[in-house]
C-alpha atoms as a PDB file:
ATOM      1  CA  UNK A   1       0.000   0.000   0.000  1.00  0.00           C
ATOM      2  CA  UNK A   2       1.495   3.373  -0.927  1.00  0.00           C
ATOM      3  CA  UNK A   3       2.442   5.658   1.949  1.00  0.00           C
ATOM      4  CA  UNK A   4       1.008   9.136   2.499  1.00  0.00           C
ATOM      5  CA  UNK A   5       4.270  10.504   1.084  1.00  0.00           C
ATOM      6  CA  UNK A   6       3.801   8.439  -2.073  1.00  0.00           C
ATOM      7  CA  UNK A   7       0.281   9.818  -2.513  1.00  0.00           C
ATOM      8  CA  UNK A   8       1.522  13.367  -2.083  1.00  0.00           C
ATOM      9  CA  UNK A   9       4.281  12.824  -4.622  1.00  0.00           C
ATOM     10  CA  UNK A  10       1.800  11.407  -7.123  1.00  0.00           C
ATOM     11  CA  UNK A  11      -0.373  14.469  -6.662  1.00  0.00           C
ATOM     12  CA  UNK A  12       2.570  16.776  -7.247  1.00  0.00           C
ATOM     13  CA  UNK A  13       3.639  14.888 -10.351  1.00  0.00           C
ATOM     14  CA  UNK A  14       0.154  15.266 -11.782  1.00  0.00           C
ATOM     15  CA  UNK A  15      -0.103  19.042 -11.372  1.00  0.00           C
ATOM     16  CA  UNK A  16      -1.779  20.206 -14.575  1.00  0.00           C
ATOM     17  CA  UNK A  17       0.261  22.175 -17.062  1.00  0.00           C
ATOM     18  CA  UNK A  18      -1.455  25.342 -18.151  1.00  0.00           C
ATOM     19  CA  UNK A  19      -2.727  25.112 -21.715  1.00  0.00           C
ATOM     20  CA  UNK A  20      -2.148  27.954 -24.097  1.00  0.00           C
ATOM     21  CA  UNK A  21      -5.150  30.156 -23.422  1.00  0.00           C
ATOM     22  CA  UNK A  22      -6.101  33.765 -23.063  1.00  0.00           C
ATOM     23  CA  UNK A  23      -8.618  35.773 -21.120  1.00  0.00           C
ATOM     24  CA  UNK A  24     -10.256  38.813 -22.658  1.00  0.00           C
ATOM     25  CA  UNK A  25      -8.373  41.411 -20.615  1.00  0.00           C
ATOM     26  CA  UNK A  26      -5.840  41.536 -17.825  1.00  0.00           C
ATOM     27  CA  UNK A  27      -6.334  43.476 -14.569  1.00  0.00           C
ATOM     28  CA  UNK A  28      -5.318  46.685 -16.352  1.00  0.00           C
ATOM     29  CA  UNK A  29      -7.957  46.233 -19.039  1.00  0.00           C
ATOM     30  CA  UNK A  30      -5.418  45.413 -21.736  1.00  0.00           C
ATOM     31  CA  UNK A  31      -5.540  42.352 -23.994  1.00  0.00           C
ATOM     32  CA  UNK A  32      -4.264  39.520 -21.866  1.00  0.00           C
ATOM     33  CA  UNK A  33      -1.003  37.751 -22.684  1.00  0.00           C
ATOM     34  CA  UNK A  34      -1.177  34.029 -23.265  1.00  0.00           C
ATOM     35  CA  UNK A  35       0.156  31.824 -20.494  1.00  0.00           C
ATOM     36  CA  UNK A  36       3.434  30.088 -21.177  1.00  0.00           C
ATOM     37  CA  UNK A  37       2.454  26.409 -21.544  1.00  0.00           C
ATOM     38  CA  UNK A  38       5.564  25.454 -19.576  1.00  0.00           C
ATOM     39  CA  UNK A  39       4.221  27.199 -16.479  1.00  0.00           C
ATOM     40  CA  UNK A  40       2.469  25.187 -13.790  1.00  0.00           C
ATOM     41  CA  UNK A  41      -0.997  25.995 -12.503  1.00  0.00           C
ATOM     42  CA  UNK A  42      -1.093  25.572  -8.723  1.00  0.00           C
ATOM     43  CA  UNK A  43      -4.574  24.575  -7.541  1.00  0.00           C
ATOM     44  CA  UNK A  44      -4.223  23.335  -3.955  1.00  0.00           C
ATOM     45  CA  UNK A  45      -2.327  24.290  -0.783  1.00  0.00           C
ATOM     46  CA  UNK A  46      -0.357  21.028  -0.938  1.00  0.00           C
ATOM     47  CA  UNK A  47       0.762  21.782  -4.500  1.00  0.00           C
ATOM     48  CA  UNK A  48       1.808  25.290  -3.411  1.00  0.00           C
ATOM     49  CA  UNK A  49       3.884  23.948  -0.513  1.00  0.00           C
ATOM     50  CA  UNK A  50       5.563  21.396  -2.750  1.00  0.00           C
ATOM     51  CA  UNK A  51       6.311  24.115  -5.303  1.00  0.00           C
ATOM     52  CA  UNK A  52       8.202  25.992  -2.587  1.00  0.00           C
ATOM     53  CA  UNK A  53      10.078  22.795  -1.713  1.00  0.00           C
ATOM     54  CA  UNK A  54      11.052  22.302  -5.372  1.00  0.00           C
ATOM     55  CA  UNK A  55      12.407  25.853  -5.504  1.00  0.00           C
ATOM     56  CA  UNK A  56      14.335  25.486  -2.228  1.00  0.00           C
ATOM     57  CA  UNK A  57      17.661  24.261  -3.746  1.00  0.00           C
ATOM     58  CA  UNK A  58      17.670  27.267  -6.096  1.00  0.00           C
ATOM     59  CA  UNK A  59      16.784  29.628  -3.242  1.00  0.00           C
ATOM     60  CA  UNK A  60      19.658  28.260  -1.155  1.00  0.00           C
ATOM     61  CA  UNK A  61      22.216  28.398  -3.974  1.00  0.00           C
ATOM     62  CA  UNK A  62      21.379  31.968  -4.989  1.00  0.00           C
ATOM     63  CA  UNK A  63      20.890  33.487  -1.521  1.00  0.00           C
ATOM     64  CA  UNK A  64      24.325  32.212  -0.494  1.00  0.00           C
ATOM     65  CA  UNK A  65      25.951  34.225  -3.284  1.00  0.00           C
ATOM     66  CA  UNK A  66      24.991  37.675  -1.949  1.00  0.00           C
ATOM     67  CA  UNK A  67      24.577  39.702   1.234  1.00  0.00           C
ATOM     68  CA  UNK A  68      21.583  41.988   1.411  1.00  0.00           C
ATOM     69  CA  UNK A  69      18.483  43.143   3.215  1.00  0.00           C
ATOM     70  CA  UNK A  70      15.388  41.112   4.007  1.00  0.00           C
ATOM     71  CA  UNK A  71      13.542  42.721   1.100  1.00  0.00           C
ATOM     72  CA  UNK A  72      16.309  41.681  -1.287  1.00  0.00           C
ATOM     73  CA  UNK A  73      16.122  38.043  -0.172  1.00  0.00           C
ATOM     74  CA  UNK A  74      12.335  38.135  -0.526  1.00  0.00           C
ATOM     75  CA  UNK A  75      12.824  39.211  -4.126  1.00  0.00           C
ATOM     76  CA  UNK A  76      15.315  36.386  -4.700  1.00  0.00           C
ATOM     77  CA  UNK A  77      12.815  33.859  -3.303  1.00  0.00           C
ATOM     78  CA  UNK A  78      10.133  35.290  -5.602  1.00  0.00           C
ATOM     79  CA  UNK A  79      12.499  34.945  -8.571  1.00  0.00           C
ATOM     80  CA  UNK A  80      13.351  31.341  -7.680  1.00  0.00           C
ATOM     81  CA  UNK A  81       9.653  30.454  -7.460  1.00  0.00           C
ATOM     82  CA  UNK A  82       9.048  32.006 -10.881  1.00  0.00           C
ATOM     83  CA  UNK A  83      11.993  30.050 -12.270  1.00  0.00           C
ATOM     84  CA  UNK A  84      10.302  26.919 -10.900  1.00  0.00           C
ATOM     85  CA  UNK A  85       7.495  27.698 -13.360  1.00  0.00           C
ATOM     86  CA  UNK A  86       4.877  29.253 -11.062  1.00  0.00           C
ATOM     87  CA  UNK A  87       2.724  31.709 -12.990  1.00  0.00           C
ATOM     88  CA  UNK A  88       3.243  35.423 -12.349  1.00  0.00           C
ATOM     89  CA  UNK A  89      -0.558  35.689 -11.934  1.00  0.00           C
ATOM     90  CA  UNK A  90      -0.376  33.393  -8.885  1.00  0.00           C
ATOM     91  CA  UNK A  91       2.689  34.717  -7.063  1.00  0.00           C
ATOM     92  CA  UNK A  92       2.605  37.819  -4.864  1.00  0.00           C
ATOM     93  CA  UNK A  93       5.180  39.563  -2.678  1.00  0.00           C
ATOM     94  CA  UNK A  94       4.400  41.982   0.182  1.00  0.00           C
ATOM     95  CA  UNK A  95       0.673  41.772  -0.498  1.00  0.00           C
ATOM     96  CA  UNK A  96      -1.270  44.376   1.482  1.00  0.00           C
ATOM     97  CA  UNK A  97      -4.446  42.894   2.951  1.00  0.00           C
ATOM     98  CA  UNK A  98      -7.120  44.084   5.350  1.00  0.00           C
ATOM     99  CA  UNK A  99      -8.889  41.708   7.724  1.00  0.00           C
ATOM    100  CA  UNK A 100     -12.328  42.847   8.933  1.00  0.00           C
ATOM    101  CA  UNK A 101     -13.239  42.191  12.576  1.00  0.00           C
ATOM    102  CA  UNK A 102     -10.055  40.291  13.517  1.00  0.00           C
ATOM    103  CA  UNK A 103     -10.531  37.599  16.143  1.00  0.00           C
ATOM    104  CA  UNK A 104      -6.931  36.516  16.862  1.00  0.00           C
ATOM    105  CA  UNK A 105      -4.407  38.042  19.253  1.00  0.00           C
ATOM    106  CA  UNK A 106      -1.879  39.028  16.595  1.00  0.00           C
ATOM    107  CA  UNK A 107      -4.301  40.856  14.339  1.00  0.00           C
ATOM    108  CA  UNK A 108      -6.219  42.508  17.151  1.00  0.00           C
ATOM    109  CA  UNK A 109      -2.885  44.222  17.772  1.00  0.00           C
ATOM    110  CA  UNK A 110      -2.614  45.289  14.106  1.00  0.00           C
ATOM    111  CA  UNK A 111      -5.854  47.292  13.920  1.00  0.00           C
ATOM    112  CA  UNK A 112      -5.714  50.326  11.625  1.00  0.00           C
ATOM    113  CA  UNK A 113      -9.438  51.204  11.677  1.00  0.00           C
ATOM    114  CA  UNK A 114     -11.485  51.013  14.867  1.00  0.00           C
ATOM    115  CA  UNK A 115     -15.060  52.194  15.052  1.00  0.00           C
ATOM    116  CA  UNK A 116     -18.520  51.318  16.361  1.00  0.00           C
ATOM    117  CA  UNK A 117     -19.456  49.533  13.128  1.00  0.00           C
ATOM    118  CA  UNK A 118     -16.177  48.112  11.812  1.00  0.00           C
ATOM    119  CA  UNK A 119     -12.729  47.110  13.021  1.00  0.00           C
ATOM    120  CA  UNK A 120     -10.043  46.388  10.418  1.00  0.00           C
ATOM    121  CA  UNK A 121      -6.532  44.964  10.822  1.00  0.00           C
ATOM    122  CA  UNK A 122      -3.771  45.092   8.224  1.00  0.00           C
ATOM    123  CA  UNK A 123      -1.347  42.361   7.229  1.00  0.00           C
ATOM    124  CA  UNK A 124       1.399  42.282   4.587  1.00  0.00           C
ATOM    125  CA  UNK A 125       2.653  38.700   4.097  1.00  0.00           C
ATOM    126  CA  UNK A 126       6.093  38.423   2.505  1.00  0.00           C
ATOM    127  CA  UNK A 127       5.312  35.758  -0.119  1.00  0.00           C
ATOM    128  CA  UNK A 128       1.913  34.397  -1.188  1.00  0.00           C
ATOM    129  CA  UNK A 129       0.943  31.753  -3.734  1.00  0.00           C
ATOM    130  CA  UNK A 130      -2.653  32.293  -4.843  1.00  0.00           C
ATOM    131  CA  UNK A 131      -5.252  30.189  -6.581  1.00  0.00           C
ATOM    132  CA  UNK A 132      -5.631  31.176 -10.267  1.00  0.00           C
ATOM    133  CA  UNK A 133      -9.065  32.634  -9.483  1.00  0.00           C
ATOM    134  CA  UNK A 134      -7.367  35.678  -7.935  1.00  0.00           C
ATOM    135  CA  UNK A 135      -6.654  36.600 -11.574  1.00  0.00           C
ATOM    136  CA  UNK A 136      -3.384  38.403 -10.874  1.00  0.00           C
ATOM    137  CA  UNK A 137      -5.106  41.161  -8.854  1.00  0.00           C
ATOM    138  CA  UNK A 138      -3.862  41.578  -5.285  1.00  0.00           C
ATOM    139  CA  UNK A 139      -4.389  45.305  -4.912  1.00  0.00           C
ATOM    140  CA  UNK A 140      -5.510  46.436  -1.466  1.00  0.00           C
ATOM    141  CA  UNK A 141      -9.034  47.057  -2.730  1.00  0.00           C
ATOM    142  CA  UNK A 142      -9.264  43.386  -3.713  1.00  0.00           C
ATOM    143  CA  UNK A 143      -8.368  42.039  -0.262  1.00  0.00           C
ATOM    144  CA  UNK A 144     -11.507  39.929   0.155  1.00  0.00           C
ATOM    145  CA  UNK A 145     -10.489  37.934  -2.930  1.00  0.00           C
ATOM    146  CA  UNK A 146      -6.837  37.721  -1.920  1.00  0.00           C
ATOM    147  CA  UNK A 147      -7.794  36.404   1.522  1.00  0.00           C
ATOM    148  CA  UNK A 148     -10.137  33.860  -0.044  1.00  0.00           C
ATOM    149  CA  UNK A 149      -7.685  32.561  -2.637  1.00  0.00           C
ATOM    150  CA  UNK A 150      -4.444  32.171  -0.668  1.00  0.00           C
ATOM    151  CA  UNK A 151      -2.868  28.727  -1.061  1.00  0.00           C
ATOM    152  CA  UNK A 152       0.406  29.391   0.759  1.00  0.00           C
ATOM    153  CA  UNK A 153       1.679  32.182   3.029  1.00  0.00           C
ATOM    154  CA  UNK A 154       5.418  32.489   3.738  1.00  0.00           C
ATOM    155  CA  UNK A 155       7.314  34.825   6.040  1.00  0.00           C
ATOM    156  CA  UNK A 156      11.028  35.515   5.620  1.00  0.00           C
ATOM    157  CA  UNK A 157      13.626  36.396   8.254  1.00  0.00           C
ATOM    158  CA  UNK A 158      17.330  37.020   7.595  1.00  0.00           C
ATOM    159  CA  UNK A 159      20.454  37.473   9.724  1.00  0.00           C
ATOM    160  CA  UNK A 160      21.225  40.985   8.515  1.00  0.00           C
ATOM    161  CA  UNK A 161      21.779  42.631  11.906  1.00  0.00           C
ATOM    162  CA  UNK A 162      24.458  45.289  12.370  1.00  0.00           C
ATOM    163  CA  UNK A 163      25.756  44.545  15.845  1.00  0.00           C
ATOM    164  CA  UNK A 164      22.873  42.219  16.667  1.00  0.00           C
ATOM    165  CA  UNK A 165      21.814  38.610  16.247  1.00  0.00           C
ATOM    166  CA  UNK A 166      18.756  37.060  14.616  1.00  0.00           C
ATOM    167  CA  UNK A 167      16.958  35.427  17.519  1.00  0.00           C
ATOM    168  CA  UNK A 168      14.067  33.190  18.467  1.00  0.00           C
ATOM    169  CA  UNK A 169      11.657  35.879  19.685  1.00  0.00           C
ATOM    170  CA  UNK A 170      11.679  37.815  16.412  1.00  0.00           C
ATOM    171  CA  UNK A 171      11.012  34.695  14.358  1.00  0.00           C
ATOM    172  CA  UNK A 172       8.389  33.441  16.816  1.00  0.00           C
ATOM    173  CA  UNK A 173       6.364  36.626  16.216  1.00  0.00           C
ATOM    174  CA  UNK A 174       6.247  35.832  12.493  1.00  0.00           C
ATOM    175  CA  UNK A 175       5.291  32.217  13.180  1.00  0.00           C
ATOM    176  CA  UNK A 176       2.400  33.376  15.357  1.00  0.00           C
ATOM    177  CA  UNK A 177       1.406  35.779  12.586  1.00  0.00           C
ATOM    178  CA  UNK A 178       1.260  32.807  10.197  1.00  0.00           C
ATOM    179  CA  UNK A 179      -0.789  30.758  12.663  1.00  0.00           C
ATOM    180  CA  UNK A 180      -3.271  33.586  13.214  1.00  0.00           C
ATOM    181  CA  UNK A 181      -3.431  34.287   9.462  1.00  0.00           C
ATOM    182  CA  UNK A 182      -4.629  30.706   8.936  1.00  0.00           C
ATOM    183  CA  UNK A 183      -7.260  31.146  11.629  1.00  0.00           C
ATOM    184  CA  UNK A 184      -8.510  34.453  10.274  1.00  0.00           C
ATOM    185  CA  UNK A 185      -9.058  33.271   6.704  1.00  0.00           C
ATOM    186  CA  UNK A 186     -11.063  30.172   7.632  1.00  0.00           C
ATOM    187  CA  UNK A 187     -14.223  32.334   7.440  1.00  0.00           C
ATOM    188  CA  UNK A 188     -13.278  33.096   3.819  1.00  0.00           C
ATOM    189  CA  UNK A 189     -13.189  29.328   3.167  1.00  0.00           C
ATOM    190  CA  UNK A 190      -9.404  29.398   2.766  1.00  0.00           C
ATOM    191  CA  UNK A 191      -7.039  26.754   4.185  1.00  0.00           C
ATOM    192  CA  UNK A 192      -3.562  27.980   3.168  1.00  0.00           C
ATOM    193  CA  UNK A 193      -0.331  26.224   3.997  1.00  0.00           C
ATOM    194  CA  UNK A 194       2.205  28.298   5.938  1.00  0.00           C
ATOM    195  CA  UNK A 195       6.005  28.420   5.820  1.00  0.00           C
ATOM    196  CA  UNK A 196       8.743  30.140   7.821  1.00  0.00           C
ATOM    197  CA  UNK A 197      11.881  30.805   5.730  1.00  0.00           C
ATOM    198  CA  UNK A 198      15.125  31.744   7.516  1.00  0.00           C
ATOM    199  CA  UNK A 199      18.165  32.995   5.577  1.00  0.00           C
ATOM    200  CA  UNK A 200      20.924  32.878   8.201  1.00  0.00           C
ATOM    201  CA  UNK A 201      23.929  33.597   5.979  1.00  0.00           C
ATOM    202  CA  UNK A 202      25.606  36.476   7.837  1.00  0.00           C
ATOM    203  CA  UNK A 203      29.418  36.169   7.551  1.00  0.00           C
ATOM    204  CA  UNK A 204      29.885  36.857  11.258  1.00  0.00           C
ATOM    205  CA  UNK A 205      28.936  34.057  13.629  1.00  0.00           C
ATOM    206  CA  UNK A 206      27.920  36.740  16.150  1.00  0.00           C
ATOM    207  CA  UNK A 207      25.034  37.736  13.858  1.00  0.00           C
ATOM    208  CA  UNK A 208      23.794  34.214  13.130  1.00  0.00           C
ATOM    209  CA  UNK A 209      21.269  32.268  15.165  1.00  0.00           C
ATOM    210  CA  UNK A 210      22.297  30.161  18.130  1.00  0.00           C
ATOM    211  CA  UNK A 211      21.687  26.422  17.796  1.00  0.00           C
ATOM    212  CA  UNK A 212      19.297  26.595  20.738  1.00  0.00           C
ATOM    213  CA  UNK A 213      17.276  29.255  18.911  1.00  0.00           C
ATOM    214  CA  UNK A 214      17.096  27.185  15.721  1.00  0.00           C
ATOM    215  CA  UNK A 215      15.879  24.159  17.706  1.00  0.00           C
ATOM    216  CA  UNK A 216      13.256  26.276  19.499  1.00  0.00           C
ATOM    217  CA  UNK A 217      11.975  27.708  16.210  1.00  0.00           C
ATOM    218  CA  UNK A 218      11.746  24.243  14.656  1.00  0.00           C
ATOM    219  CA  UNK A 219       9.842  22.983  17.700  1.00  0.00           C
ATOM    220  CA  UNK A 220       7.368  25.869  17.512  1.00  0.00           C
ATOM    221  CA  UNK A 221       6.833  25.171  13.801  1.00  0.00           C
ATOM    222  CA  UNK A 222       6.212  21.484  14.455  1.00  0.00           C
ATOM    223  CA  UNK A 223       3.737  22.236  17.242  1.00  0.00           C
ATOM    224  CA  UNK A 224       1.649  24.422  14.920  1.00  0.00           C
ATOM    225  CA  UNK A 225       2.156  22.702  11.538  1.00  0.00           C
ATOM    226  CA  UNK A 226       4.136  25.557  10.001  1.00  0.00           C
ATOM    227  CA  UNK A 227       6.671  24.322   7.450  1.00  0.00           C
ATOM    228  CA  UNK A 228      10.262  25.219   8.314  1.00  0.00           C
ATOM    229  CA  UNK A 229      12.972  26.267   5.819  1.00  0.00           C
ATOM    230  CA  UNK A 230      16.427  27.167   7.148  1.00  0.00           C
ATOM    231  CA  UNK A 231      19.794  27.881   5.553  1.00  0.00           C
ATOM    232  CA  UNK A 232      23.160  29.196   6.629  1.00  0.00           C
ATOM    233  CA  UNK A 233      26.427  29.347   4.700  1.00  0.00           C
ATOM    234  CA  UNK A 234      27.193  25.650   5.175  1.00  0.00           C
ATOM    235  CA  UNK A 235      23.930  23.764   5.702  1.00  0.00           C
ATOM    236  CA  UNK A 236      20.308  23.906   4.635  1.00  0.00           C
ATOM    237  CA  UNK A 237      17.228  22.021   5.732  1.00  0.00           C
ATOM    238  CA  UNK A 238      13.480  22.059   5.351  1.00  0.00           C
ATOM    239  CA  UNK A 239      10.608  20.278   7.038  1.00  0.00           C
ATOM    240  CA  UNK A 240       7.216  20.179   5.309  1.00  0.00           C
ATOM    241  CA  UNK A 241       4.300  20.202   7.739  1.00  0.00           C
ATOM    242  CA  UNK A 242       0.873  20.101   6.147  1.00  0.00           C
ATOM    243  CA  UNK A 243      -1.718  22.023   8.118  1.00  0.00           C
ATOM    244  CA  UNK A 244      -4.690  20.971   5.961  1.00  0.00           C
END
């Protein structure tokens, strides 16, 4: 009898390739470009998580070649995911979203509008893989659709600290943000996978994470089914934890 891993692999192998097709107009009202038939259409959270895993060797190889800010590494991760054949219309970076009437601790602390009739919190996830139904439109005004169609949410932390060290508490805040993001979007019928990506490639050991901090982060991820991706200059690892 095939294992659960075998079933997952079969599902990944059978991800449909996008046929050559066109929609009438893109989000700017212009004639839409045809999809590249080599690009992969991601339809489920599991497929999105496995797409990130497929891109991980490229992410590791390229991020080790440079030193930069967190935003720069986010862009490199985005590029690696595109090179792994994810459609541009499904892949967002720093997507501004608004969550009405937040119910979780993290987002109750991120309220930007508070009134007698409506309370709204803001979130800006680092990397998001969307269902094709989002249609390449993740403007702030379209946040109901972006919340509904998220397949994977990833947060990125890097060891770019002048005189400081990337530590457990900072990463734990992002992990709790991912956990609460999953909880908030359930009412939009979304069940996204979540991933914490750590680029710990600072040249100075004094700026890199302590082993105890790495172990604590991995434990927190396991407890809450958040997939864990970690690299430094010598080693790299990832643990896929399906939350759905």
